N, C-alpha and C. Protein backbone atom coordinates (compact mmCIF):
# COMPACT_ATOMS: atom_id res chain seq x y z
N UNK A 1 4.57 -13.04 4.91
CA UNK A 1 4.20 -11.79 4.29
C UNK A 1 5.40 -11.25 3.53
N UNK A 2 5.14 -10.62 2.40
CA UNK A 2 6.18 -9.99 1.60
C UNK A 2 6.68 -8.71 2.23
N UNK A 3 7.51 -8.00 1.50
CA UNK A 3 8.07 -6.76 2.00
C UNK A 3 7.13 -5.60 1.68
N UNK A 4 6.92 -4.75 2.66
CA UNK A 4 6.23 -3.48 2.42
C UNK A 4 7.29 -2.42 2.63
N UNK A 5 7.54 -1.62 1.63
CA UNK A 5 8.60 -0.63 1.74
C UNK A 5 8.05 0.76 1.52
N UNK A 6 7.93 1.52 2.59
CA UNK A 6 7.53 2.91 2.47
C UNK A 6 8.76 3.81 2.37
N UNK A 7 9.97 3.23 2.51
CA UNK A 7 11.17 4.05 2.39
C UNK A 7 11.49 4.35 0.94
N UNK A 8 10.95 3.56 0.02
CA UNK A 8 11.06 3.89 -1.40
C UNK A 8 9.90 4.81 -1.72
N UNK A 9 10.21 6.03 -2.10
CA UNK A 9 9.17 7.02 -2.30
C UNK A 9 8.45 6.78 -3.62
N UNK A 10 7.16 6.42 -3.56
CA UNK A 10 6.39 6.25 -4.79
C UNK A 10 6.32 7.55 -5.57
N UNK A 11 6.04 7.50 -6.86
CA UNK A 11 6.00 8.70 -7.69
C UNK A 11 5.02 9.76 -7.18
N UNK A 12 3.96 9.35 -6.48
CA UNK A 12 2.95 10.30 -6.03
C UNK A 12 3.14 10.67 -4.55
N UNK A 13 4.37 10.67 -4.06
CA UNK A 13 4.64 11.05 -2.68
C UNK A 13 4.59 9.86 -1.75
N UNK A 14 3.79 9.96 -0.69
CA UNK A 14 3.76 8.89 0.30
C UNK A 14 2.63 7.89 0.05
N UNK A 15 1.91 8.03 -1.05
CA UNK A 15 0.83 7.09 -1.37
C UNK A 15 1.40 5.82 -1.99
N UNK A 16 0.80 4.71 -1.65
CA UNK A 16 1.22 3.41 -2.16
C UNK A 16 0.01 2.71 -2.75
N UNK A 17 0.15 2.16 -3.95
CA UNK A 17 -0.94 1.39 -4.55
C UNK A 17 -0.57 -0.09 -4.51
N UNK A 18 -1.56 -0.93 -4.73
CA UNK A 18 -1.30 -2.37 -4.78
C UNK A 18 -0.32 -2.73 -5.88
N UNK A 19 -0.45 -2.08 -7.02
CA UNK A 19 0.44 -2.34 -8.15
C UNK A 19 1.87 -1.93 -7.81
N UNK A 20 2.03 -0.76 -7.18
CA UNK A 20 3.36 -0.33 -6.78
C UNK A 20 3.98 -1.29 -5.78
N UNK A 21 3.17 -1.75 -4.82
CA UNK A 21 3.67 -2.70 -3.83
C UNK A 21 4.09 -4.00 -4.50
N UNK A 22 3.33 -4.46 -5.48
CA UNK A 22 3.70 -5.69 -6.19
C UNK A 22 5.05 -5.51 -6.88
N UNK A 23 5.29 -4.34 -7.46
CA UNK A 23 6.57 -4.09 -8.12
C UNK A 23 7.71 -4.00 -7.11
N UNK A 24 7.49 -3.35 -5.98
CA UNK A 24 8.52 -3.22 -4.95
C UNK A 24 8.88 -4.58 -4.37
N UNK A 25 7.87 -5.37 -4.04
CA UNK A 25 8.09 -6.67 -3.39
C UNK A 25 8.37 -7.79 -4.40
N UNK A 26 8.26 -7.49 -5.69
CA UNK A 26 8.47 -8.49 -6.74
C UNK A 26 7.57 -9.70 -6.51
N UNK A 27 6.27 -9.41 -6.34
CA UNK A 27 5.28 -10.47 -6.14
C UNK A 27 4.06 -10.16 -7.00
N UNK A 28 3.08 -11.06 -6.99
CA UNK A 28 1.87 -10.82 -7.75
C UNK A 28 1.05 -9.71 -7.09
N UNK A 29 0.16 -9.10 -7.86
CA UNK A 29 -0.69 -8.06 -7.31
C UNK A 29 -1.62 -8.65 -6.24
N UNK A 30 -2.07 -9.89 -6.42
CA UNK A 30 -2.91 -10.54 -5.41
C UNK A 30 -2.17 -10.68 -4.08
N UNK A 31 -0.91 -11.09 -4.14
CA UNK A 31 -0.11 -11.22 -2.91
C UNK A 31 0.10 -9.85 -2.27
N UNK A 32 0.39 -8.85 -3.09
CA UNK A 32 0.59 -7.49 -2.56
C UNK A 32 -0.67 -7.01 -1.85
N UNK A 33 -1.84 -7.26 -2.43
CA UNK A 33 -3.08 -6.82 -1.81
C UNK A 33 -3.38 -7.59 -0.53
N UNK A 34 -3.02 -8.87 -0.47
CA UNK A 34 -3.17 -9.63 0.78
C UNK A 34 -2.27 -9.04 1.86
N UNK A 35 -1.04 -8.69 1.50
CA UNK A 35 -0.12 -8.07 2.45
C UNK A 35 -0.67 -6.73 2.93
N UNK A 36 -1.18 -5.93 2.00
CA UNK A 36 -1.75 -4.63 2.36
C UNK A 36 -2.96 -4.82 3.26
N UNK A 37 -3.83 -5.78 2.95
CA UNK A 37 -5.00 -6.05 3.80
C UNK A 37 -4.58 -6.43 5.22
N UNK A 38 -3.50 -7.21 5.34
CA UNK A 38 -2.98 -7.59 6.65
C UNK A 38 -2.53 -6.34 7.42
N UNK A 39 -1.84 -5.44 6.74
CA UNK A 39 -1.36 -4.22 7.40
C UNK A 39 -2.50 -3.25 7.70
N UNK A 40 -3.56 -3.27 6.89
CA UNK A 40 -4.75 -2.47 7.21
C UNK A 40 -5.38 -2.99 8.50
N UNK A 41 -5.48 -4.30 8.62
CA UNK A 41 -6.05 -4.92 9.81
C UNK A 41 -5.24 -4.63 11.07
N UNK A 42 -3.94 -4.48 10.91
CA UNK A 42 -3.07 -4.19 12.05
C UNK A 42 -2.95 -2.68 12.30
N UNK A 43 -3.69 -1.89 11.52
CA UNK A 43 -3.71 -0.43 11.64
C UNK A 43 -2.34 0.20 11.36
N UNK A 44 -1.54 -0.44 10.51
CA UNK A 44 -0.24 0.11 10.11
C UNK A 44 -0.43 0.99 8.88
N UNK A 45 -1.30 0.56 7.97
CA UNK A 45 -1.64 1.35 6.79
C UNK A 45 -3.09 1.80 6.90
N UNK A 46 -3.41 2.88 6.21
CA UNK A 46 -4.78 3.38 6.11
C UNK A 46 -5.11 3.58 4.64
N UNK A 47 -6.37 3.31 4.28
CA UNK A 47 -6.81 3.46 2.90
C UNK A 47 -7.21 4.91 2.66
N UNK A 48 -6.78 5.47 1.55
CA UNK A 48 -7.18 6.82 1.15
C UNK A 48 -8.62 6.80 0.67
N UNK A 49 -9.24 7.96 0.59
CA UNK A 49 -10.67 8.08 0.26
C UNK A 49 -11.01 7.57 -1.14
N UNK A 50 -10.17 7.84 -2.13
CA UNK A 50 -10.45 7.40 -3.49
C UNK A 50 -10.44 5.88 -3.54
N UNK A 51 -11.39 5.30 -4.27
CA UNK A 51 -11.48 3.85 -4.34
C UNK A 51 -11.35 3.34 -5.75
N UNK A 52 -11.72 2.11 -5.94
CA UNK A 52 -11.66 1.49 -7.27
C UNK A 52 -10.23 1.37 -7.75
N UNK A 53 -10.00 1.72 -8.99
CA UNK A 53 -8.66 1.63 -9.56
C UNK A 53 -7.72 2.67 -8.97
N UNK A 54 -8.28 3.67 -8.29
CA UNK A 54 -7.47 4.72 -7.69
C UNK A 54 -7.14 4.47 -6.23
N UNK A 55 -7.45 3.30 -5.70
CA UNK A 55 -7.21 3.01 -4.30
C UNK A 55 -5.72 3.11 -3.99
N UNK A 56 -5.41 3.85 -2.93
CA UNK A 56 -4.03 3.96 -2.49
C UNK A 56 -4.01 3.94 -0.96
N UNK A 57 -2.83 3.75 -0.42
CA UNK A 57 -2.67 3.55 1.01
C UNK A 57 -1.56 4.43 1.54
N UNK A 58 -1.67 4.83 2.79
CA UNK A 58 -0.64 5.64 3.45
C UNK A 58 -0.35 5.01 4.81
N UNK A 59 0.76 5.40 5.41
CA UNK A 59 1.02 4.97 6.78
C UNK A 59 -0.08 5.51 7.67
N UNK A 60 -0.59 4.70 8.58
CA UNK A 60 -1.67 5.12 9.47
C UNK A 60 -1.22 6.38 10.23
N UNK A 61 -2.15 7.29 10.39
CA UNK A 61 -1.87 8.54 11.08
C UNK A 61 -1.36 9.64 10.17
N UNK A 62 -1.11 9.31 8.89
CA UNK A 62 -0.64 10.33 7.95
C UNK A 62 -1.66 10.63 6.87
N UNK A 63 -2.84 10.00 6.95
CA UNK A 63 -3.87 10.20 5.92
C UNK A 63 -4.31 11.66 5.91
N UNK A 64 -4.53 12.17 4.72
CA UNK A 64 -4.94 13.58 4.57
C UNK A 64 -6.42 13.75 4.82
């Protein structure tokens, strides 16, 4: 699995998108989304309500 870095503050606060994760980890967007899916399954990240192109993720337990 690539790096997931929540210590780098994304421009929109604590929200992380697949594209931002791909840029942080210097990997493809597909790889970033696989990593995010793995962390969703482990209940480390939670998906925000907005979907589609606006899908973003937060640390589990911090979702608004």
